[in-house]
C-alpha atoms as a PDB file:
ATOM      1  CA  MET A   1     123.590  10.522  76.882  1.00  0.00           C
ATOM      2  CA  SER A   2     124.768   7.160  78.150  1.00  0.00           C
ATOM      3  CA  SER A   3     124.057   3.965  76.284  1.00  0.00           C
ATOM      4  CA  CYS A   4     121.788   2.886  79.144  1.00  0.00           C
ATOM      5  CA  SER A   5     119.718   6.050  78.817  1.00  0.00           C
ATOM      6  CA  ARG A   6     119.479   5.639  75.049  1.00  0.00           C
ATOM      7  CA  CYS A   7     118.230   2.089  75.444  1.00  0.00           C
ATOM      8  CA  PHE A   8     115.618   3.212  77.955  1.00  0.00           C
ATOM      9  CA  GLU A   9     114.431   6.006  75.625  1.00  0.00           C
ATOM     10  CA  SER A  10     114.223   3.659  72.648  1.00  0.00           C
ATOM     11  CA  SER A  11     112.215   1.161  74.694  1.00  0.00           C
ATOM     12  CA  LYS A  12     109.839   3.934  75.796  1.00  0.00           C
ATOM     13  CA  GLN A  13     109.266   5.111  72.222  1.00  0.00           C
ATOM     14  CA  ALA A  14     108.669   1.547  71.067  1.00  0.00           C
ATOM     15  CA  LYS A  15     105.970   1.078  73.686  1.00  0.00           C
ATOM     16  CA  LEU A  16     104.340   4.354  72.676  1.00  0.00           C
ATOM     17  CA  ALA A  17     104.396   3.240  69.050  1.00  0.00           C
ATOM     18  CA  GLU A  18     102.718  -0.028  69.981  1.00  0.00           C
ATOM     19  CA  GLY A  19      99.807   1.845  71.565  1.00  0.00           C
ATOM     20  CA  ALA A  20      99.464   4.361  68.740  1.00  0.00           C
ATOM     21  CA  ASP A  21      96.180   4.580  66.799  1.00  0.00           C
ATOM     22  CA  ARG A  22      97.512   3.527  63.413  1.00  0.00           C
ATOM     23  CA  ILE A  23      94.045   2.872  61.973  1.00  0.00           C
ATOM     24  CA  SER A  24      93.034   6.517  62.322  1.00  0.00           C
ATOM     25  CA  GLY A  25      96.087   7.430  60.273  1.00  0.00           C
ATOM     26  CA  LEU A  26      94.778   5.615  57.211  1.00  0.00           C
ATOM     27  CA  PRO A  27      93.305   7.639  54.317  1.00  0.00           C
ATOM     28  CA  ASP A  28      89.600   8.514  54.472  1.00  0.00           C
ATOM     29  CA  GLU A  29      88.805   6.299  51.484  1.00  0.00           C
ATOM     30  CA  ILE A  30      90.230   3.213  53.182  1.00  0.00           C
ATOM     31  CA  LEU A  31      88.471   3.897  56.482  1.00  0.00           C
ATOM     32  CA  GLY A  32      85.199   4.452  54.646  1.00  0.00           C
ATOM     33  CA  HIS A  33      85.674   1.123  52.869  1.00  0.00           C
ATOM     34  CA  ILE A  34      86.285  -0.634  56.207  1.00  0.00           C
ATOM     35  CA  LEU A  35      83.061   0.827  57.630  1.00  0.00           C
ATOM     36  CA  CYS A  36      81.142  -0.646  54.682  1.00  0.00           C
ATOM     37  CA  PHE A  37      81.490  -4.094  56.278  1.00  0.00           C
ATOM     38  CA  LEU A  38      79.507  -3.050  59.373  1.00  0.00           C
ATOM     39  CA  PRO A  39      75.747  -2.658  59.817  1.00  0.00           C
ATOM     40  CA  THR A  40      75.101   1.038  59.232  1.00  0.00           C
ATOM     41  CA  LYS A  41      74.094   1.582  62.862  1.00  0.00           C
ATOM     42  CA  TYR A  42      77.566   0.550  64.010  1.00  0.00           C
ATOM     43  CA  ALA A  43      79.325   2.410  61.201  1.00  0.00           C
ATOM     44  CA  VAL A  44      77.597   5.616  62.326  1.00  0.00           C
ATOM     45  CA  GLY A  45      78.457   4.750  65.933  1.00  0.00           C
ATOM     46  CA  THR A  46      82.166   5.168  65.191  1.00  0.00           C
ATOM     47  CA  SER A  47      81.568   8.928  64.885  1.00  0.00           C
ATOM     48  CA  VAL A  48      81.872   9.211  68.673  1.00  0.00           C
ATOM     49  CA  LEU A  49      85.389   7.759  68.763  1.00  0.00           C
ATOM     50  CA  SER A  50      87.149  11.029  67.986  1.00  0.00           C
ATOM     51  CA  HIS A  51      86.971  14.132  65.841  1.00  0.00           C
ATOM     52  CA  ARG A  52      88.860  12.184  63.153  1.00  0.00           C
ATOM     53  CA  TRP A  53      86.005   9.643  62.880  1.00  0.00           C
ATOM     54  CA  GLN A  54      83.092  12.054  63.190  1.00  0.00           C
ATOM     55  CA  TYR A  55      82.013  12.074  59.546  1.00  0.00           C
ATOM     56  CA  LEU A  56      83.828   9.091  58.048  1.00  0.00           C
ATOM     57  CA  PHE A  57      80.549   7.156  57.910  1.00  0.00           C
ATOM     58  CA  THR A  58      79.332   9.591  55.238  1.00  0.00           C
ATOM     59  CA  LEU A  59      81.772   7.914  52.826  1.00  0.00           C
ATOM     60  CA  ILE A  60      80.289   4.405  53.005  1.00  0.00           C
ATOM     61  CA  THR A  61      78.841   2.791  49.872  1.00  0.00           C
ATOM     62  CA  ASN A  62      77.137  -0.174  51.611  1.00  0.00           C
ATOM     63  CA  PHE A  63      74.022   0.679  53.610  1.00  0.00           C
ATOM     64  CA  ASP A  64      72.474  -1.873  55.959  1.00  0.00           C
ATOM     65  CA  PHE A  65      69.462  -0.408  57.792  1.00  0.00           C
ATOM     66  CA  ASP A  66      68.178  -3.098  60.150  1.00  0.00           C
ATOM     67  CA  GLU A  67      65.359  -2.070  62.457  1.00  0.00           C
ATOM     68  CA  THR A  68      65.882  -5.134  64.627  1.00  0.00           C
ATOM     69  CA  LEU A  69      69.157  -3.617  65.812  1.00  0.00           C
ATOM     70  CA  VAL A  70      67.139  -0.738  67.252  1.00  0.00           C
ATOM     71  CA  PHE A  71      64.668  -3.008  69.047  1.00  0.00           C
ATOM     72  CA  SER A  72      67.106  -5.626  70.320  1.00  0.00           C
ATOM     73  CA  SER A  73      67.986  -4.767  73.924  1.00  0.00           C
ATOM     74  CA  ARG A  74      71.354  -6.530  73.821  1.00  0.00           C
ATOM     75  CA  GLY A  75      72.333  -5.600  70.297  1.00  0.00           C
ATOM     76  CA  SER A  76      71.618  -9.043  68.899  1.00  0.00           C
ATOM     77  CA  VAL A  77      69.696  -9.304  65.661  1.00  0.00           C
ATOM     78  CA  ALA A  78      66.149 -10.589  66.000  1.00  0.00           C
ATOM     79  CA  SER A  79      64.187 -11.412  62.848  1.00  0.00           C
ATOM     80  CA  TYR A  80      60.759 -10.182  61.786  1.00  0.00           C
ATOM     81  CA  HIS A  81      60.546 -12.695  58.983  1.00  0.00           C
ATOM     82  CA  ASP A  82      58.995 -15.494  61.043  1.00  0.00           C
ATOM     83  CA  LEU A  83      56.854 -13.422  63.437  1.00  0.00           C
ATOM     84  CA  SER A  84      53.102 -13.969  63.428  1.00  0.00           C
ATOM     85  CA  GLU A  85      50.813 -11.036  62.674  1.00  0.00           C
ATOM     86  CA  SER A  86      49.722 -10.692  66.319  1.00  0.00           C
ATOM     87  CA  LYS A  87      53.282 -10.776  67.654  1.00  0.00           C
ATOM     88  CA  LEU A  88      54.412  -8.255  65.076  1.00  0.00           C
ATOM     89  CA  ASN A  89      51.562  -5.876  65.984  1.00  0.00           C
ATOM     90  CA  SER A  90      52.444  -6.269  69.658  1.00  0.00           C
ATOM     91  CA  LEU A  91      56.059  -5.425  68.906  1.00  0.00           C
ATOM     92  CA  CYS A  92      55.010  -2.383  66.903  1.00  0.00           C
ATOM     93  CA  LYS A  93      52.911  -1.081  69.809  1.00  0.00           C
ATOM     94  CA  ARG A  94      55.594  -1.743  72.406  1.00  0.00           C
ATOM     95  CA  TYR A  95      58.308   0.049  70.462  1.00  0.00           C
ATOM     96  CA  SER A  96      56.287   2.861  68.869  1.00  0.00           C
ATOM     97  CA  LYS A  97      58.942   5.421  69.798  1.00  0.00           C
ATOM     98  CA  GLY A  98      61.585   3.277  68.151  1.00  0.00           C
ATOM     99  CA  TYR A  99      59.905   3.662  64.785  1.00  0.00           C
ATOM    100  CA  SER A 100      60.307   7.425  64.804  1.00  0.00           C
ATOM    101  CA  LYS A 101      63.900   6.942  65.895  1.00  0.00           C
ATOM    102  CA  PHE A 102      64.612   4.511  63.068  1.00  0.00           C
ATOM    103  CA  LYS A 103      62.954   6.739  60.442  1.00  0.00           C
ATOM    104  CA  TYR A 104      64.997   9.730  61.626  1.00  0.00           C
ATOM    105  CA  PHE A 105      68.164   7.626  61.599  1.00  0.00           C
ATOM    106  CA  VAL A 106      67.688   6.461  57.999  1.00  0.00           C
ATOM    107  CA  ASP A 107      66.728   9.941  56.794  1.00  0.00           C
ATOM    108  CA  ARG A 108      69.725  11.507  58.528  1.00  0.00           C
ATOM    109  CA  VAL A 109      72.284   8.998  57.237  1.00  0.00           C
ATOM    110  CA  LEU A 110      71.058   9.275  53.655  1.00  0.00           C
ATOM    111  CA  MET A 111      71.004  13.067  53.851  1.00  0.00           C
ATOM    112  CA  LEU A 112      74.662  13.107  54.940  1.00  0.00           C
ATOM    113  CA  CYS A 113      75.792  10.559  52.321  1.00  0.00           C
ATOM    114  CA  LYS A 114      78.710  11.901  50.271  1.00  0.00           C
ATOM    115  CA  SER A 115      79.262   8.840  48.087  1.00  0.00           C
ATOM    116  CA  THR A 116      78.413   9.298  44.434  1.00  0.00           C
ATOM    117  CA  HIS A 117      77.748   5.576  43.986  1.00  0.00           C
ATOM    118  CA  MET A 118      75.961   3.048  46.193  1.00  0.00           C
ATOM    119  CA  ASN A 119      77.064  -0.567  46.103  1.00  0.00           C
ATOM    120  CA  LYS A 120      74.548  -2.224  48.448  1.00  0.00           C
ATOM    121  CA  PHE A 121      71.328  -1.061  50.050  1.00  0.00           C
ATOM    122  CA  ARG A 122      69.613  -3.367  52.546  1.00  0.00           C
ATOM    123  CA  LEU A 123      66.451  -2.383  54.421  1.00  0.00           C
ATOM    124  CA  ASN A 124      64.811  -4.551  57.067  1.00  0.00           C
ATOM    125  CA  CYS A 125      61.795  -2.949  58.742  1.00  0.00           C
ATOM    126  CA  ALA A 126      58.299  -3.863  59.950  1.00  0.00           C
ATOM    127  CA  LYS A 127      54.853  -2.772  58.809  1.00  0.00           C
ATOM    128  CA  ARG A 128      54.264   0.439  60.717  1.00  0.00           C
ATOM    129  CA  TYR A 129      56.015   2.784  58.312  1.00  0.00           C
ATOM    130  CA  ASP A 130      54.221   4.848  55.718  1.00  0.00           C
ATOM    131  CA  SER A 131      54.923   3.280  52.343  1.00  0.00           C
ATOM    132  CA  ASN A 132      56.043   6.692  51.094  1.00  0.00           C
ATOM    133  CA  HIS A 133      59.028   6.500  53.466  1.00  0.00           C
ATOM    134  CA  ILE A 134      60.049   3.157  51.979  1.00  0.00           C
ATOM    135  CA  LYS A 135      59.537   4.576  48.499  1.00  0.00           C
ATOM    136  CA  ARG A 136      61.743   7.601  49.221  1.00  0.00           C
ATOM    137  CA  TRP A 137      64.581   5.474  50.613  1.00  0.00           C
ATOM    138  CA  ILE A 138      64.528   3.059  47.668  1.00  0.00           C
ATOM    139  CA  GLU A 139      64.413   5.901  45.147  1.00  0.00           C
ATOM    140  CA  PHE A 140      67.466   7.444  46.825  1.00  0.00           C
ATOM    141  CA  ALA A 141      69.356   4.169  46.349  1.00  0.00           C
ATOM    142  CA  LEU A 142      68.299   4.008  42.696  1.00  0.00           C
ATOM    143  CA  LEU A 143      69.477   7.568  42.099  1.00  0.00           C
ATOM    144  CA  LYS A 144      72.872   6.543  43.495  1.00  0.00           C
ATOM    145  CA  GLY A 145      73.141   3.721  40.961  1.00  0.00           C
ATOM    146  CA  VAL A 146      72.793   0.911  43.520  1.00  0.00           C
ATOM    147  CA  SER A 147      74.084  -2.511  42.436  1.00  0.00           C
ATOM    148  CA  GLU A 148      72.463  -4.690  45.122  1.00  0.00           C
ATOM    149  CA  LEU A 149      69.032  -3.932  46.610  1.00  0.00           C
ATOM    150  CA  ASP A 150      67.609  -6.075  49.432  1.00  0.00           C
ATOM    151  CA  VAL A 151      64.298  -4.953  50.958  1.00  0.00           C
ATOM    152  CA  PHE A 152      62.155  -6.624  53.629  1.00  0.00           C
ATOM    153  CA  THR A 153      59.057  -4.637  54.541  1.00  0.00           C
ATOM    154  CA  TYR A 154      55.307  -4.950  55.071  1.00  0.00           C
ATOM    155  CA  GLN A 155      54.588  -1.648  53.309  1.00  0.00           C
ATOM    156  CA  PHE A 156      55.559  -1.187  49.686  1.00  0.00           C
ATOM    157  CA  ASN A 157      54.411   1.606  47.413  1.00  0.00           C
ATOM    158  CA  SER A 158      53.825  -0.040  44.048  1.00  0.00           C
ATOM    159  CA  SER A 159      54.629   3.216  42.244  1.00  0.00           C
ATOM    160  CA  VAL A 160      58.301   2.735  43.105  1.00  0.00           C
ATOM    161  CA  THR A 161      58.398  -0.197  40.693  1.00  0.00           C
ATOM    162  CA  GLN A 162      58.214   2.269  37.808  1.00  0.00           C
ATOM    163  CA  GLN A 163      61.885   3.010  38.500  1.00  0.00           C
ATOM    164  CA  LEU A 164      62.871  -0.214  40.211  1.00  0.00           C
ATOM    165  CA  PHE A 165      62.178  -2.530  37.280  1.00  0.00           C
ATOM    166  CA  VAL A 166      63.941  -0.389  34.694  1.00  0.00           C
ATOM    167  CA  CYS A 167      67.129   0.129  36.715  1.00  0.00           C
ATOM    168  CA  ALA A 168      70.211  -0.439  34.567  1.00  0.00           C
ATOM    169  CA  THR A 169      72.640  -0.681  37.509  1.00  0.00           C
ATOM    170  CA  LEU A 170      70.956  -3.473  39.512  1.00  0.00           C
ATOM    171  CA  VAL A 171      72.833  -6.767  39.638  1.00  0.00           C
ATOM    172  CA  VAL A 172      71.044  -8.245  42.674  1.00  0.00           C
ATOM    173  CA  LEU A 173      67.393  -7.584  43.571  1.00  0.00           C
ATOM    174  CA  LYS A 174      65.687  -9.110  46.629  1.00  0.00           C
ATOM    175  CA  LEU A 175      62.141  -8.154  47.634  1.00  0.00           C
ATOM    176  CA  HIS A 176      60.635  -9.775  50.721  1.00  0.00           C
ATOM    177  CA  GLY A 177      57.370  -8.775  52.388  1.00  0.00           C
ATOM    178  CA  LYS A 178      53.594  -9.084  52.586  1.00  0.00           C
ATOM    179  CA  PHE A 179      52.828  -6.621  49.796  1.00  0.00           C
ATOM    180  CA  GLU A 180      51.204  -7.490  46.459  1.00  0.00           C
ATOM    181  CA  MET A 181      53.743  -7.685  43.690  1.00  0.00           C
ATOM    182  CA  LYS A 182      52.818  -5.372  40.819  1.00  0.00           C
ATOM    183  CA  LEU A 183      54.836  -4.478  37.748  1.00  0.00           C
ATOM    184  CA  PRO A 184      54.822  -1.399  35.545  1.00  0.00           C
ATOM    185  CA  GLU A 185      53.860  -1.665  31.881  1.00  0.00           C
ATOM    186  CA  SER A 186      57.506  -1.869  30.839  1.00  0.00           C
ATOM    187  CA  TYR A 187      60.410  -3.517  32.658  1.00  0.00           C
ATOM    188  CA  PHE A 188      64.022  -4.097  31.672  1.00  0.00           C
ATOM    189  CA  LEU A 189      66.902  -4.973  33.984  1.00  0.00           C
ATOM    190  CA  PRO A 190      69.854  -5.403  31.606  1.00  0.00           C
ATOM    191  CA  ASN A 191      72.484  -6.308  34.229  1.00  0.00           C
ATOM    192  CA  LEU A 192      70.416  -8.233  36.781  1.00  0.00           C
ATOM    193  CA  LYS A 193      71.930 -11.621  37.660  1.00  0.00           C
ATOM    194  CA  PHE A 194      70.087 -12.513  40.879  1.00  0.00           C
ATOM    195  CA  LEU A 195      66.331 -12.048  41.408  1.00  0.00           C
ATOM    196  CA  GLN A 196      64.524 -13.033  44.602  1.00  0.00           C
ATOM    197  CA  LEU A 197      60.806 -12.409  45.190  1.00  0.00           C
ATOM    198  CA  LYS A 198      59.551 -13.788  48.506  1.00  0.00           C
ATOM    199  CA  SER A 199      56.215 -13.664  50.345  1.00  0.00           C
ATOM    200  CA  GLY A 200      54.708 -11.128  47.985  1.00  0.00           C
ATOM    201  CA  LYS A 201      51.316 -11.939  46.527  1.00  0.00           C
ATOM    202  CA  PHE A 202      51.264 -12.427  42.777  1.00  0.00           C
ATOM    203  CA  PRO A 203      48.077 -11.232  41.054  1.00  0.00           C
ATOM    204  CA  GLU A 204      46.283 -13.592  38.684  1.00  0.00           C
ATOM    205  CA  LYS A 205      47.906 -12.226  35.521  1.00  0.00           C
ATOM    206  CA  PHE A 206      51.340 -11.524  36.942  1.00  0.00           C
ATOM    207  CA  PRO A 207      53.731 -11.546  33.919  1.00  0.00           C
ATOM    208  CA  LEU A 208      56.516 -13.562  35.540  1.00  0.00           C
ATOM    209  CA  ASN A 209      57.911 -14.922  32.300  1.00  0.00           C
ATOM    210  CA  SER A 210      57.866 -11.482  30.686  1.00  0.00           C
ATOM    211  CA  LEU A 211      59.769 -10.141  33.676  1.00  0.00           C
ATOM    212  CA  ILE A 212      62.374 -12.896  33.333  1.00  0.00           C
ATOM    213  CA  SER A 213      62.651 -12.149  29.605  1.00  0.00           C
ATOM    214  CA  GLY A 214      63.432  -8.565  30.577  1.00  0.00           C
ATOM    215  CA  CYS A 215      66.496  -9.806  32.493  1.00  0.00           C
ATOM    216  CA  PRO A 216      68.861 -11.022  29.741  1.00  0.00           C
ATOM    217  CA  MET A 217      71.723 -11.685  32.200  1.00  0.00           C
ATOM    218  CA  LEU A 218      69.690 -13.525  34.873  1.00  0.00           C
ATOM    219  CA  GLU A 219      71.477 -16.530  36.414  1.00  0.00           C
ATOM    220  CA  ASP A 220      69.724 -17.081  39.771  1.00  0.00           C
ATOM    221  CA  LEU A 221      65.979 -16.991  40.452  1.00  0.00           C
ATOM    222  CA  VAL A 222      64.215 -17.492  43.800  1.00  0.00           C
ATOM    223  CA  ILE A 223      60.412 -17.303  43.924  1.00  0.00           C
ATOM    224  CA  GLU A 224      58.494 -17.843  47.159  1.00  0.00           C
ATOM    225  CA  SER A 225      55.087 -16.235  46.883  1.00  0.00           C
ATOM    226  CA  ARG A 226      51.344 -16.725  46.994  1.00  0.00           C
ATOM    227  CA  TRP A 227      49.640 -17.199  43.647  1.00  0.00           C
ATOM    228  CA  GLY A 228      46.053 -16.410  42.812  1.00  0.00           C
ATOM    229  CA  TYR A 229      43.743 -19.436  42.882  1.00  0.00           C
ATOM    230  CA  ASP A 230      42.751 -18.913  39.239  1.00  0.00           C
ATOM    231  CA  VAL A 231      46.302 -19.211  37.883  1.00  0.00           C
ATOM    232  CA  LYS A 232      46.224 -22.046  35.328  1.00  0.00           C
ATOM    233  CA  VAL A 233      49.716 -21.948  33.845  1.00  0.00           C
ATOM    234  CA  ILE A 234      53.075 -20.783  35.230  1.00  0.00           C
ATOM    235  CA  THR A 235      55.671 -20.419  32.484  1.00  0.00           C
ATOM    236  CA  ILE A 236      59.372 -19.773  33.048  1.00  0.00           C
ATOM    237  CA  SER A 237      61.731 -19.499  30.095  1.00  0.00           C
ATOM    238  CA  SER A 238      65.323 -18.256  30.125  1.00  0.00           C
ATOM    239  CA  PRO A 239      68.469 -19.200  28.166  1.00  0.00           C
ATOM    240  CA  THR A 240      70.769 -17.846  30.898  1.00  0.00           C
ATOM    241  CA  LEU A 241      69.251 -19.199  34.128  1.00  0.00           C
ATOM    242  CA  ILE A 242      71.589 -21.526  36.067  1.00  0.00           C
ATOM    243  CA  ASN A 243      69.984 -21.868  39.528  1.00  0.00           C
ATOM    244  CA  MET A 244      66.283 -21.736  40.382  1.00  0.00           C
ATOM    245  CA  THR A 245      64.225 -22.192  43.545  1.00  0.00           C
ATOM    246  CA  LEU A 246      60.419 -22.225  43.399  1.00  0.00           C
ATOM    247  CA  ASN A 247      58.445 -22.379  46.629  1.00  0.00           C
ATOM    248  CA  PHE A 248      54.733 -22.344  45.838  1.00  0.00           C
ATOM    249  CA  THR A 249      52.311 -21.166  48.522  1.00  0.00           C
ATOM    250  CA  THR A 250      48.547 -20.853  48.184  1.00  0.00           C
ATOM    251  CA  THR A 251      45.773 -18.558  49.316  1.00  0.00           C
ATOM    252  CA  GLY A 252      44.671 -21.112  51.909  1.00  0.00           C
ATOM    253  CA  PHE A 253      42.199 -23.047  49.741  1.00  0.00           C
ATOM    254  CA  GLY A 254      44.674 -25.567  48.370  1.00  0.00           C
ATOM    255  CA  TRP A 255      46.281 -25.716  44.969  1.00  0.00           C
ATOM    256  CA  PRO A 256      44.220 -25.790  41.774  1.00  0.00           C
ATOM    257  CA  ARG A 257      45.340 -27.841  38.800  1.00  0.00           C
ATOM    258  CA  THR A 258      48.100 -25.528  37.648  1.00  0.00           C
ATOM    259  CA  ASP A 259      50.553 -26.415  34.910  1.00  0.00           C
ATOM    260  CA  VAL A 260      54.227 -25.481  35.305  1.00  0.00           C
ATOM    261  CA  LEU A 261      56.023 -25.085  31.979  1.00  0.00           C
ATOM    262  CA  LEU A 262      59.805 -24.696  31.974  1.00  0.00           C
ATOM    263  CA  ASP A 263      62.211 -23.929  29.156  1.00  0.00           C
ATOM    264  CA  LEU A 264      65.610 -23.569  30.821  1.00  0.00           C
ATOM    265  CA  PRO A 265      68.273 -25.143  28.575  1.00  0.00           C
ATOM    266  CA  ASN A 266      71.253 -24.104  30.741  1.00  0.00           C
ATOM    267  CA  LEU A 267      69.789 -24.772  34.199  1.00  0.00           C
ATOM    268  CA  LYS A 268      72.124 -26.675  36.546  1.00  0.00           C
ATOM    269  CA  HIS A 269      70.324 -26.665  39.916  1.00  0.00           C
ATOM    270  CA  MET A 270      66.587 -26.597  40.644  1.00  0.00           C
ATOM    271  CA  ILE A 271      64.594 -26.783  43.879  1.00  0.00           C
ATOM    272  CA  ILE A 272      60.777 -26.992  43.821  1.00  0.00           C
ATOM    273  CA  MET A 273      58.783 -26.908  47.064  1.00  0.00           C
ATOM    274  CA  ASN A 274      55.031 -27.313  47.659  1.00  0.00           C
ATOM    275  CA  PRO A 275      54.198 -27.950  43.982  1.00  0.00           C
ATOM    276  CA  PRO A 276      50.653 -27.857  42.535  1.00  0.00           C
ATOM    277  CA  GLN A 277      48.371 -30.909  42.807  1.00  0.00           C
ATOM    278  CA  ASN A 278      48.943 -32.127  39.276  1.00  0.00           C
ATOM    279  CA  PHE A 279      52.708 -31.607  39.375  1.00  0.00           C
ATOM    280  CA  ARG A 280      53.467 -35.345  39.360  1.00  0.00           C
ATOM    281  CA  ASP A 281      51.274 -35.800  36.260  1.00  0.00           C
ATOM    282  CA  SER A 282      53.417 -33.409  34.213  1.00  0.00           C
ATOM    283  CA  MET A 283      56.767 -34.524  35.610  1.00  0.00           C
ATOM    284  CA  THR A 284      58.064 -35.996  32.367  1.00  0.00           C
ATOM    285  CA  GLU A 285      57.198 -32.916  30.341  1.00  0.00           C
ATOM    286  CA  LEU A 286      58.721 -30.642  32.990  1.00  0.00           C
ATOM    287  CA  LEU A 287      62.016 -32.551  32.996  1.00  0.00           C
ATOM    288  CA  HIS A 288      62.331 -32.065  29.246  1.00  0.00           C
ATOM    289  CA  GLY A 289      62.479 -28.331  29.869  1.00  0.00           C
ATOM    290  CA  VAL A 290      65.428 -28.692  32.267  1.00  0.00           C
ATOM    291  CA  SER A 291      67.352 -31.484  30.542  1.00  0.00           C
ATOM    292  CA  SER A 292      70.727 -29.917  31.360  1.00  0.00           C
ATOM    293  CA  ALA A 293      70.092 -29.828  35.129  1.00  0.00           C
ATOM    294  CA  LYS A 294      72.600 -31.625  37.328  1.00  0.00           C
ATOM    295  CA  HIS A 295      70.577 -31.518  40.550  1.00  0.00           C
ATOM    296  CA  LEU A 296      66.817 -31.482  41.029  1.00  0.00           C
ATOM    297  CA  HIS A 297      65.174 -31.428  44.437  1.00  0.00           C
ATOM    298  CA  LEU A 298      61.413 -31.704  44.950  1.00  0.00           C
ATOM    299  CA  SER A 299      59.760 -31.245  48.323  1.00  0.00           C
ATOM    300  CA  GLY A 300      58.150 -34.253  49.934  1.00  0.00           C
ATOM    301  CA  ASP A 301      59.472 -37.715  49.252  1.00  0.00           C
ATOM    302  CA  LEU A 302      60.941 -36.914  45.840  1.00  0.00           C
ATOM    303  CA  GLU A 303      64.586 -36.093  45.380  1.00  0.00           C
ATOM    304  CA  VAL A 304      66.210 -36.578  42.047  1.00  0.00           C
ATOM    305  CA  ALA A 305      69.850 -36.090  41.054  1.00  0.00           C
ATOM    306  CA  LEU A 306      70.327 -35.991  37.310  1.00  0.00           C
END
């Protein structure tokens, strides 16, 4: 073969190599890890690429089930979080078939899951689902030893908290929805570092401080919920808490005279929004409980940097 022919052949092979599918040649474990960075809908969508990719999504350890991806006509992510009740009901009626599709999708993906451990489980869905469906999906994540659980829903079966609030593997827990927050008789989250409870309704005798005491590793706390009108004292005590955000909302009748007692010796950052009526009266006492804080932000015209 002449030198000219050899050069031509080498050039041809180089071009073929450039167009080769090198990603598909990676080990299954690496491809599964790559898919973990996608919303689960898109991770499952890669199964149509080729026979090689057909079941790689069953290896993922991060699950992101977002119903808005089903309803969005252009694939963009719309949010339920700020929708009014009437608009949400209208959306539910318009996309009634989509709900069955989403339920089947979640059930199918979880059934095919081959991973022995789950790192993250995120669920974003509206109010039309039976709370037992939500309960079953969350319990599946708990059985897989999930580390990060993020749930936004309008239907929440309180019986699931029997397992949820005694989960030893949880490091991050975020609950967001219009359900009433109830706790089991015992709760202990030994490894939890981040706790976020938003939009849930707290009953009159909700044991918030007892819950925090049951989280010996807690560093970040975000509370944005409605409190019962008869709540007289809100106490938060933790030797480990570093960052805290409290957004108080009411039942619609205004705030009563509620005392907020804090004992957070290692707190560095605190944000308080929509405080009770008598909050200014107890400001000095409250600051004593967060004497180590570097930054304090209060809603309204108060902003203090310590």
